Amino acid sequence: MLEVKAVTRMFGRKAAVDDVSFAVDGPAFVGIIGRSGAGKSTFLRMMNRLLDATSGEIRVDGRDVLGLTGAAARAWQSHCAMIFQQFNLVPRMDVASNVLHGILNRRSTLQTMFNLWPRADILKALDILDRLGIAEQASKRAEALSGGQQQRVAIARALMQDPRIILADEPIASLDPMNAQVVMDTLKRINVEDGRMVIANLHTLDTARRYCDRVIGMRDGRIVFDGTPDQLSTGVAREIYGADDSFNEAATSTSITGDAKADRTYADLMLS
């Protein structure tokens, strides 16, 4: 059970996240959509304790994770894994080692310095890579992989933590449509097969409708929509993105046959 209660984050006099409240009961796939600057990334970073909240509570099974400090906060980060748009891998390190780095906070300094890993951990990392279809890449440097493969390595690193919740911050924003589909299929399979809650910041409506059980729309730090994918109409999308009648939903498509010109138009809207 996840309960978000009146969470606010101020940067100076500006509220990046403004009195956000919602609850999720069970291992749902939740998509958060909105234009750049809506507060999506700031919220996920607070939930993962990469940022402190100015006020409010985020309760998981009754415990306020925003109040955790020190070792307790680090332990929470192990249970709430974060996946980033830019992968955050060590480029010159091999893939298997990057995955094993998901449990660095459980290792001693000496073990980390000499890259010493128990056989059980190595086998677990290889099993996860095999599950994600990239076991054959285990010995390659991360920088030698395609963007889609690198994002799957980042997902494997998150799974190495055995998290209860996976937070994905624009996980497909830098990928081509084919790799974006592979990555989203992977996250959905983890959600369904493992029973893990996934909360993903997304920038395309068709992705939110296809993969999410629930969609939350943010605008200027506030929630302006909270409903099912079926309720995410073009009119609702205009409200979320602050767009007028010229808003073209086709411009948000990540389909392999998407219109490149439309994609540029949407990118302009998102960054404005």
C-alpha atoms as a PDB file:
ATOM      1  CA  MET A   1       0.000   0.000   0.000  1.00  0.00           C
ATOM      2  CA  LEU A   2       1.400   3.350  -1.106  1.00  0.00           C
ATOM      3  CA  GLU A   3      -0.083   6.547   0.324  1.00  0.00           C
ATOM      4  CA  VAL A   4       1.147   9.939  -0.852  1.00  0.00           C
ATOM      5  CA  LYS A   5      -0.157  12.704   1.407  1.00  0.00           C
ATOM      6  CA  ALA A   6       0.145  16.413   0.542  1.00  0.00           C
ATOM      7  CA  VAL A   7       3.735  16.118  -0.707  1.00  0.00           C
ATOM      8  CA  THR A   8       5.335  19.449  -1.606  1.00  0.00           C
ATOM      9  CA  ARG A   9       8.823  20.386  -2.751  1.00  0.00           C
ATOM     10  CA  MET A  10       9.854  24.031  -2.913  1.00  0.00           C
ATOM     11  CA  PHE A  11      12.828  25.405  -4.826  1.00  0.00           C
ATOM     12  CA  GLY A  12      13.096  28.897  -3.447  1.00  0.00           C
ATOM     13  CA  ARG A  13       9.620  30.377  -3.762  1.00  0.00           C
ATOM     14  CA  LYS A  14       8.532  28.012  -6.547  1.00  0.00           C
ATOM     15  CA  ALA A  15       6.685  24.763  -5.860  1.00  0.00           C
ATOM     16  CA  ALA A  16       8.068  22.046  -8.138  1.00  0.00           C
ATOM     17  CA  VAL A  17       5.648  19.557  -6.554  1.00  0.00           C
ATOM     18  CA  ASP A  18       2.587  21.161  -5.019  1.00  0.00           C
ATOM     19  CA  ASP A  19       0.370  19.326  -2.490  1.00  0.00           C
ATOM     20  CA  VAL A  20       0.355  15.976  -4.322  1.00  0.00           C
ATOM     21  CA  SER A  21      -1.803  13.213  -2.851  1.00  0.00           C
ATOM     22  CA  PHE A  22      -2.814   9.776  -4.156  1.00  0.00           C
ATOM     23  CA  ALA A  23      -2.875   6.149  -3.033  1.00  0.00           C
ATOM     24  CA  VAL A  24      -2.037   2.866  -4.763  1.00  0.00           C
ATOM     25  CA  ASP A  25      -3.246  -0.429  -3.339  1.00  0.00           C
ATOM     26  CA  GLY A  26      -1.346  -3.380  -4.768  1.00  0.00           C
ATOM     27  CA  PRO A  27       1.304  -3.925  -7.452  1.00  0.00           C
ATOM     28  CA  ALA A  28      -0.125  -1.621 -10.117  1.00  0.00           C
ATOM     29  CA  PHE A  29       1.643  -0.114 -13.124  1.00  0.00           C
ATOM     30  CA  VAL A  30       1.190   3.637 -12.666  1.00  0.00           C
ATOM     31  CA  GLY A  31       2.134   6.129 -15.359  1.00  0.00           C
ATOM     32  CA  ILE A  32       2.774   9.798 -14.589  1.00  0.00           C
ATOM     33  CA  ILE A  33       2.488  12.100 -17.598  1.00  0.00           C
ATOM     34  CA  GLY A  34       2.938  15.812 -18.150  1.00  0.00           C
ATOM     35  CA  ARG A  35       5.110  18.296 -19.966  1.00  0.00           C
ATOM     36  CA  SER A  36       8.684  19.103 -18.982  1.00  0.00           C
ATOM     37  CA  GLY A  37       8.755  20.936 -15.646  1.00  0.00           C
ATOM     38  CA  ALA A  38       5.479  19.442 -14.414  1.00  0.00           C
ATOM     39  CA  GLY A  39       7.189  17.944 -11.340  1.00  0.00           C
ATOM     40  CA  LYS A  40       7.277  14.293 -12.421  1.00  0.00           C
ATOM     41  CA  SER A  41      11.003  13.692 -11.927  1.00  0.00           C
ATOM     42  CA  THR A  42      11.119  15.702  -8.711  1.00  0.00           C
ATOM     43  CA  PHE A  43       8.381  13.519  -7.247  1.00  0.00           C
ATOM     44  CA  LEU A  44      10.151  10.255  -8.111  1.00  0.00           C
ATOM     45  CA  ARG A  45      13.416  11.569  -6.695  1.00  0.00           C
ATOM     46  CA  MET A  46      11.687  12.411  -3.430  1.00  0.00           C
ATOM     47  CA  MET A  47      10.137   8.968  -3.270  1.00  0.00           C
ATOM     48  CA  ASN A  48      13.557   7.383  -3.803  1.00  0.00           C
ATOM     49  CA  ARG A  49      15.062   9.793  -1.227  1.00  0.00           C
ATOM     50  CA  LEU A  50      17.403  11.437  -3.715  1.00  0.00           C
ATOM     51  CA  LEU A  51      15.650  14.684  -2.749  1.00  0.00           C
ATOM     52  CA  ASP A  52      14.017  15.754   0.488  1.00  0.00           C
ATOM     53  CA  ALA A  53      10.420  16.925   0.520  1.00  0.00           C
ATOM     54  CA  THR A  54       9.545  20.328   1.930  1.00  0.00           C
ATOM     55  CA  SER A  55       6.413  18.864   3.519  1.00  0.00           C
ATOM     56  CA  GLY A  56       4.060  15.893   3.330  1.00  0.00           C
ATOM     57  CA  GLU A  57       4.330  12.137   3.717  1.00  0.00           C
ATOM     58  CA  ILE A  58       4.944   9.125   1.488  1.00  0.00           C
ATOM     59  CA  ARG A  59       3.801   6.053   3.391  1.00  0.00           C
ATOM     60  CA  VAL A  60       4.495   2.468   2.310  1.00  0.00           C
ATOM     61  CA  ASP A  61       2.584  -0.024   4.428  1.00  0.00           C
ATOM     62  CA  GLY A  62       2.115   2.699   7.011  1.00  0.00           C
ATOM     63  CA  ARG A  63       5.762   3.797   7.283  1.00  0.00           C
ATOM     64  CA  ASP A  64       6.665   7.346   6.212  1.00  0.00           C
ATOM     65  CA  VAL A  65       9.738   6.868   4.022  1.00  0.00           C
ATOM     66  CA  LEU A  66      10.331  10.626   3.891  1.00  0.00           C
ATOM     67  CA  GLY A  67      11.173  10.498   7.583  1.00  0.00           C
ATOM     68  CA  LEU A  68      13.901   7.880   7.198  1.00  0.00           C
ATOM     69  CA  THR A  69      17.546   8.870   7.680  1.00  0.00           C
ATOM     70  CA  GLY A  70      20.962   7.232   7.498  1.00  0.00           C
ATOM     71  CA  ALA A  71      21.006   3.460   7.152  1.00  0.00           C
ATOM     72  CA  ALA A  72      17.204   3.270   7.163  1.00  0.00           C
ATOM     73  CA  ALA A  73      16.993   5.625   4.177  1.00  0.00           C
ATOM     74  CA  ARG A  74      19.646   3.628   2.309  1.00  0.00           C
ATOM     75  CA  ALA A  75      17.759   0.409   3.050  1.00  0.00           C
ATOM     76  CA  TRP A  76      14.613   1.996   1.621  1.00  0.00           C
ATOM     77  CA  GLN A  77      16.480   2.837  -1.594  1.00  0.00           C
ATOM     78  CA  SER A  78      17.222  -0.881  -1.965  1.00  0.00           C
ATOM     79  CA  HIS A  79      13.509  -1.624  -1.795  1.00  0.00           C
ATOM     80  CA  CYS A  80      12.624   1.236  -4.150  1.00  0.00           C
ATOM     81  CA  ALA A  81      14.870   0.940  -7.211  1.00  0.00           C
ATOM     82  CA  MET A  82      15.338   3.832  -9.636  1.00  0.00           C
ATOM     83  CA  ILE A  83      15.781   3.602 -13.418  1.00  0.00           C
ATOM     84  CA  PHE A  84      16.928   6.738 -15.237  1.00  0.00           C
ATOM     85  CA  GLN A  85      16.503   8.072 -18.761  1.00  0.00           C
ATOM     86  CA  GLN A  86      20.274   8.158 -19.323  1.00  0.00           C
ATOM     87  CA  PHE A  87      20.840   4.635 -17.905  1.00  0.00           C
ATOM     88  CA  ASN A  88      23.533   5.736 -15.363  1.00  0.00           C
ATOM     89  CA  LEU A  89      25.783   2.764 -16.137  1.00  0.00           C
ATOM     90  CA  VAL A  90      29.576   2.697 -15.845  1.00  0.00           C
ATOM     91  CA  PRO A  91      30.429   2.792 -19.589  1.00  0.00           C
ATOM     92  CA  ARG A  92      33.832   1.049 -19.473  1.00  0.00           C
ATOM     93  CA  MET A  93      32.711  -1.637 -17.031  1.00  0.00           C
ATOM     94  CA  ASP A  94      31.332  -4.962 -18.244  1.00  0.00           C
ATOM     95  CA  VAL A  95      27.593  -5.549 -18.202  1.00  0.00           C
ATOM     96  CA  ALA A  96      27.586  -8.179 -15.428  1.00  0.00           C
ATOM     97  CA  SER A  97      29.536  -5.887 -13.097  1.00  0.00           C
ATOM     98  CA  ASN A  98      27.119  -3.051 -13.794  1.00  0.00           C
ATOM     99  CA  VAL A  99      24.258  -5.329 -12.757  1.00  0.00           C
ATOM    100  CA  LEU A 100      26.091  -6.406  -9.598  1.00  0.00           C
ATOM    101  CA  HIS A 101      26.484  -2.747  -8.678  1.00  0.00           C
ATOM    102  CA  GLY A 102      22.796  -2.841  -7.817  1.00  0.00           C
ATOM    103  CA  ILE A 103      23.801  -4.333  -4.463  1.00  0.00           C
ATOM    104  CA  LEU A 104      26.916  -2.227  -3.801  1.00  0.00           C
ATOM    105  CA  ASN A 105      25.425  -0.878  -0.581  1.00  0.00           C
ATOM    106  CA  ARG A 106      25.390  -4.433   0.810  1.00  0.00           C
ATOM    107  CA  ARG A 107      29.100  -4.942   0.175  1.00  0.00           C
ATOM    108  CA  SER A 108      32.122  -3.976   2.263  1.00  0.00           C
ATOM    109  CA  THR A 109      34.573  -1.352   1.026  1.00  0.00           C
ATOM    110  CA  LEU A 110      37.282  -3.993   0.541  1.00  0.00           C
ATOM    111  CA  GLN A 111      35.015  -6.228  -1.531  1.00  0.00           C
ATOM    112  CA  THR A 112      34.004  -3.255  -3.658  1.00  0.00           C
ATOM    113  CA  MET A 113      37.607  -2.103  -4.239  1.00  0.00           C
ATOM    114  CA  PHE A 114      38.706  -5.517  -5.504  1.00  0.00           C
ATOM    115  CA  ASN A 115      35.473  -6.306  -7.351  1.00  0.00           C
ATOM    116  CA  LEU A 116      34.894  -9.419  -5.271  1.00  0.00           C
ATOM    117  CA  TRP A 117      31.458 -11.000  -5.606  1.00  0.00           C
ATOM    118  CA  PRO A 118      30.062 -14.248  -4.180  1.00  0.00           C
ATOM    119  CA  ARG A 119      29.281 -16.906  -6.772  1.00  0.00           C
ATOM    120  CA  ALA A 120      25.591 -16.785  -5.819  1.00  0.00           C
ATOM    121  CA  ASP A 121      25.398 -13.059  -6.645  1.00  0.00           C
ATOM    122  CA  ILE A 122      27.157 -13.563  -9.988  1.00  0.00           C
ATOM    123  CA  LEU A 123      24.771 -16.367 -10.940  1.00  0.00           C
ATOM    124  CA  LYS A 124      21.801 -14.234  -9.920  1.00  0.00           C
ATOM    125  CA  ALA A 125      23.019 -11.370 -12.111  1.00  0.00           C
ATOM    126  CA  LEU A 126      23.450 -13.716 -15.074  1.00  0.00           C
ATOM    127  CA  ASP A 127      19.986 -15.196 -14.514  1.00  0.00           C
ATOM    128  CA  ILE A 128      18.450 -11.719 -14.563  1.00  0.00           C
ATOM    129  CA  LEU A 129      20.296 -10.820 -17.762  1.00  0.00           C
ATOM    130  CA  ASP A 130      19.076 -14.065 -19.308  1.00  0.00           C
ATOM    131  CA  ARG A 131      15.513 -13.273 -18.317  1.00  0.00           C
ATOM    132  CA  LEU A 132      15.812  -9.876 -20.025  1.00  0.00           C
ATOM    133  CA  GLY A 133      17.259 -11.438 -23.171  1.00  0.00           C
ATOM    134  CA  ILE A 134      20.767 -10.002 -22.962  1.00  0.00           C
ATOM    135  CA  ALA A 135      22.784 -12.720 -21.217  1.00  0.00           C
ATOM    136  CA  GLU A 136      25.135 -12.924 -24.197  1.00  0.00           C
ATOM    137  CA  GLN A 137      26.191  -9.322 -23.504  1.00  0.00           C
ATOM    138  CA  ALA A 138      27.380 -10.038 -19.936  1.00  0.00           C
ATOM    139  CA  SER A 139      31.109  -9.768 -20.673  1.00  0.00           C
ATOM    140  CA  LYS A 140      30.898  -6.725 -22.973  1.00  0.00           C
ATOM    141  CA  ARG A 141      31.506  -3.177 -21.886  1.00  0.00           C
ATOM    142  CA  ALA A 142      28.274  -1.311 -21.290  1.00  0.00           C
ATOM    143  CA  GLU A 143      29.317   1.398 -23.760  1.00  0.00           C
ATOM    144  CA  ALA A 144      29.368  -1.202 -26.578  1.00  0.00           C
ATOM    145  CA  LEU A 145      25.615  -1.878 -26.271  1.00  0.00           C
ATOM    146  CA  SER A 146      22.733  -0.148 -28.000  1.00  0.00           C
ATOM    147  CA  GLY A 147      20.563   2.271 -26.058  1.00  0.00           C
ATOM    148  CA  GLY A 148      17.785  -0.271 -25.643  1.00  0.00           C
ATOM    149  CA  GLN A 149      20.228  -2.913 -24.408  1.00  0.00           C
ATOM    150  CA  GLN A 150      21.770  -0.441 -21.952  1.00  0.00           C
ATOM    151  CA  GLN A 151      18.354   0.380 -20.529  1.00  0.00           C
ATOM    152  CA  ARG A 152      17.687  -3.323 -20.045  1.00  0.00           C
ATOM    153  CA  VAL A 153      20.998  -3.562 -18.172  1.00  0.00           C
ATOM    154  CA  ALA A 154      19.779  -0.701 -15.975  1.00  0.00           C
ATOM    155  CA  ILE A 155      16.552  -2.636 -15.343  1.00  0.00           C
ATOM    156  CA  ALA A 156      18.598  -5.747 -14.523  1.00  0.00           C
ATOM    157  CA  ARG A 157      20.637  -3.703 -12.028  1.00  0.00           C
ATOM    158  CA  ALA A 158      17.380  -2.561 -10.413  1.00  0.00           C
ATOM    159  CA  LEU A 159      16.100  -6.158 -10.221  1.00  0.00           C
ATOM    160  CA  MET A 160      19.364  -7.199  -8.576  1.00  0.00           C
ATOM    161  CA  GLN A 161      18.193  -5.174  -5.580  1.00  0.00           C
ATOM    162  CA  ASP A 162      15.014  -7.299  -5.380  1.00  0.00           C
ATOM    163  CA  PRO A 163      12.926  -4.130  -4.932  1.00  0.00           C
ATOM    164  CA  ARG A 164       9.292  -3.899  -3.928  1.00  0.00           C
ATOM    165  CA  ILE A 165       8.797  -0.813  -6.096  1.00  0.00           C
ATOM    166  CA  ILE A 166      10.499   0.211  -9.349  1.00  0.00           C
ATOM    167  CA  LEU A 167      10.583   3.896 -10.261  1.00  0.00           C
ATOM    168  CA  ALA A 168      11.349   4.654 -13.904  1.00  0.00           C
ATOM    169  CA  ASP A 169      12.093   8.266 -14.862  1.00  0.00           C
ATOM    170  CA  GLU A 170      11.391   8.670 -18.594  1.00  0.00           C
ATOM    171  CA  PRO A 171      12.849   5.193 -19.308  1.00  0.00           C
ATOM    172  CA  ILE A 172      12.219   5.351 -23.077  1.00  0.00           C
ATOM    173  CA  ALA A 173      12.650   9.055 -23.812  1.00  0.00           C
ATOM    174  CA  SER A 174      16.050   8.563 -25.488  1.00  0.00           C
ATOM    175  CA  LEU A 175      15.159   5.357 -27.352  1.00  0.00           C
ATOM    176  CA  ASP A 176      13.871   4.668 -30.844  1.00  0.00           C
ATOM    177  CA  PRO A 177      10.324   3.228 -31.074  1.00  0.00           C
ATOM    178  CA  MET A 178      11.414  -0.404 -31.438  1.00  0.00           C
ATOM    179  CA  ASN A 179      13.707  -0.324 -28.394  1.00  0.00           C
ATOM    180  CA  ALA A 180      11.124   1.691 -26.472  1.00  0.00           C
ATOM    181  CA  GLN A 181       8.619  -1.109 -26.987  1.00  0.00           C
ATOM    182  CA  VAL A 182      11.100  -3.749 -25.806  1.00  0.00           C
ATOM    183  CA  VAL A 183      11.879  -1.776 -22.642  1.00  0.00           C
ATOM    184  CA  MET A 184       8.217  -1.119 -21.836  1.00  0.00           C
ATOM    185  CA  ASP A 185       7.347  -4.786 -22.482  1.00  0.00           C
ATOM    186  CA  THR A 186      10.108  -5.702 -20.033  1.00  0.00           C
ATOM    187  CA  LEU A 187       8.810  -3.385 -17.308  1.00  0.00           C
ATOM    188  CA  LYS A 188       5.249  -4.627 -17.781  1.00  0.00           C
ATOM    189  CA  ARG A 189       6.347  -8.255 -17.568  1.00  0.00           C
ATOM    190  CA  ILE A 190       8.186  -7.523 -14.312  1.00  0.00           C
ATOM    191  CA  ASN A 191       5.065  -5.807 -12.976  1.00  0.00           C
ATOM    192  CA  VAL A 192       2.770  -8.712 -13.854  1.00  0.00           C
ATOM    193  CA  GLU A 193       5.036 -11.728 -13.274  1.00  0.00           C
ATOM    194  CA  ASP A 194       6.843 -10.486 -10.151  1.00  0.00           C
ATOM    195  CA  GLY A 195       4.003  -8.525  -8.594  1.00  0.00           C
ATOM    196  CA  ARG A 196       6.190  -5.428  -8.252  1.00  0.00           C
ATOM    197  CA  MET A 197       4.701  -1.950  -8.303  1.00  0.00           C
ATOM    198  CA  VAL A 198       6.046   0.145 -11.193  1.00  0.00           C
ATOM    199  CA  ILE A 199       5.708   3.926 -11.300  1.00  0.00           C
ATOM    200  CA  ALA A 200       6.964   5.381 -14.574  1.00  0.00           C
ATOM    201  CA  ASN A 201       7.234   8.936 -15.808  1.00  0.00           C
ATOM    202  CA  LEU A 202       6.170   8.815 -19.450  1.00  0.00           C
ATOM    203  CA  HIS A 203       6.029  11.358 -22.247  1.00  0.00           C
ATOM    204  CA  THR A 204       3.690   9.651 -24.701  1.00  0.00           C
ATOM    205  CA  LEU A 205      -0.042   8.993 -24.449  1.00  0.00           C
ATOM    206  CA  ASP A 206      -0.094   5.746 -26.403  1.00  0.00           C
ATOM    207  CA  THR A 207       2.519   4.265 -24.056  1.00  0.00           C
ATOM    208  CA  ALA A 208       0.497   5.262 -21.000  1.00  0.00           C
ATOM    209  CA  ARG A 209      -2.678   3.769 -22.454  1.00  0.00           C
ATOM    210  CA  ARG A 210      -1.011   0.529 -23.539  1.00  0.00           C
ATOM    211  CA  TYR A 211       0.971  -0.344 -20.425  1.00  0.00           C
ATOM    212  CA  CYS A 212      -0.514   1.412 -17.412  1.00  0.00           C
ATOM    213  CA  ASP A 213      -3.297   0.345 -15.087  1.00  0.00           C
ATOM    214  CA  ARG A 214      -3.620   3.921 -13.910  1.00  0.00           C
ATOM    215  CA  VAL A 215      -2.503   7.294 -15.255  1.00  0.00           C
ATOM    216  CA  ILE A 216      -1.732  10.418 -13.247  1.00  0.00           C
ATOM    217  CA  GLY A 217      -1.419  13.718 -15.097  1.00  0.00           C
ATOM    218  CA  MET A 218       0.659  16.532 -13.603  1.00  0.00           C
ATOM    219  CA  ARG A 219       0.739  20.187 -14.553  1.00  0.00           C
ATOM    220  CA  ASP A 220       2.732  22.890 -12.757  1.00  0.00           C
ATOM    221  CA  GLY A 221       3.460  20.540  -9.862  1.00  0.00           C
ATOM    222  CA  ARG A 222      -0.161  19.549  -9.235  1.00  0.00           C
ATOM    223  CA  ILE A 223      -2.231  16.497 -10.146  1.00  0.00           C
ATOM    224  CA  VAL A 224      -4.837  17.514 -12.741  1.00  0.00           C
ATOM    225  CA  PHE A 225      -5.891  13.989 -13.772  1.00  0.00           C
ATOM    226  CA  ASP A 226      -6.016  10.640 -12.008  1.00  0.00           C
ATOM    227  CA  GLY A 227      -7.829   7.829 -13.751  1.00  0.00           C
ATOM    228  CA  THR A 228      -7.755   4.796 -16.007  1.00  0.00           C
ATOM    229  CA  PRO A 229      -6.135   4.746 -19.462  1.00  0.00           C
ATOM    230  CA  ASP A 230      -9.615   4.655 -21.025  1.00  0.00           C
ATOM    231  CA  GLN A 231     -10.401   7.990 -19.386  1.00  0.00           C
ATOM    232  CA  LEU A 232      -7.323   9.623 -20.917  1.00  0.00           C
ATOM    233  CA  SER A 233      -9.129  11.398 -23.746  1.00  0.00           C
ATOM    234  CA  THR A 234      -7.665  13.965 -26.105  1.00  0.00           C
ATOM    235  CA  GLY A 235      -9.507  16.670 -24.157  1.00  0.00           C
ATOM    236  CA  VAL A 236      -7.955  15.496 -20.905  1.00  0.00           C
ATOM    237  CA  ALA A 237      -4.539  15.419 -22.558  1.00  0.00           C
ATOM    238  CA  ARG A 238      -4.955  19.048 -23.656  1.00  0.00           C
ATOM    239  CA  GLU A 239      -5.657  19.984 -20.048  1.00  0.00           C
ATOM    240  CA  ILE A 240      -2.623  18.082 -18.758  1.00  0.00           C
ATOM    241  CA  TYR A 241      -0.235  19.598 -21.299  1.00  0.00           C
ATOM    242  CA  GLY A 242      -1.810  23.047 -21.371  1.00  0.00           C
ATOM    243  CA  ALA A 243      -2.399  22.749 -25.122  1.00  0.00           C
ATOM    244  CA  ASP A 244      -5.023  24.313 -27.346  1.00  0.00           C
ATOM    245  CA  ASP A 245      -7.198  22.753 -30.052  1.00  0.00           C
ATOM    246  CA  SER A 246      -4.170  22.404 -32.338  1.00  0.00           C
ATOM    247  CA  PHE A 247      -2.844  19.637 -30.079  1.00  0.00           C
ATOM    248  CA  ASN A 248      -2.198  16.588 -32.260  1.00  0.00           C
ATOM    249  CA  GLU A 249      -2.319  13.357 -30.296  1.00  0.00           C
ATOM    250  CA  ALA A 250      -0.556  11.533 -33.132  1.00  0.00           C
ATOM    251  CA  ALA A 251       2.486  13.594 -32.238  1.00  0.00           C
ATOM    252  CA  THR A 252       2.815  11.665 -28.963  1.00  0.00           C
ATOM    253  CA  SER A 253       2.992   8.278 -30.629  1.00  0.00           C
ATOM    254  CA  THR A 254       5.884   5.902 -30.056  1.00  0.00           C
ATOM    255  CA  SER A 255       4.670   3.467 -32.693  1.00  0.00           C
ATOM    256  CA  ILE A 256       7.276   2.162 -35.103  1.00  0.00           C
ATOM    257  CA  THR A 257       5.388   3.823 -37.964  1.00  0.00           C
ATOM    258  CA  GLY A 258       5.153   7.175 -36.152  1.00  0.00           C
ATOM    259  CA  ASP A 259       5.486  10.464 -38.011  1.00  0.00           C
ATOM    260  CA  ALA A 260       8.899  12.047 -37.390  1.00  0.00           C
ATOM    261  CA  LYS A 261       7.577  15.545 -38.123  1.00  0.00           C
ATOM    262  CA  ALA A 262       4.806  15.044 -35.586  1.00  0.00           C
ATOM    263  CA  ASP A 263       7.339  13.783 -33.059  1.00  0.00           C
ATOM    264  CA  ARG A 264       9.318  17.016 -33.438  1.00  0.00           C
ATOM    265  CA  THR A 265       6.168  19.054 -32.970  1.00  0.00           C
ATOM    266  CA  TYR A 266       5.387  17.242 -29.746  1.00  0.00           C
ATOM    267  CA  ALA A 267       8.943  17.605 -28.508  1.00  0.00           C
ATOM    268  CA  ASP A 268       8.656  21.364 -29.014  1.00  0.00           C
ATOM    269  CA  LEU A 269       5.463  21.369 -26.924  1.00  0.00           C
ATOM    270  CA  MET A 270       7.054  19.327 -24.131  1.00  0.00           C
ATOM    271  CA  LEU A 271      10.118  21.551 -23.870  1.00  0.00           C
ATOM    272  CA  SER A 272       8.326  24.886 -24.120  1.00  0.00           C
END
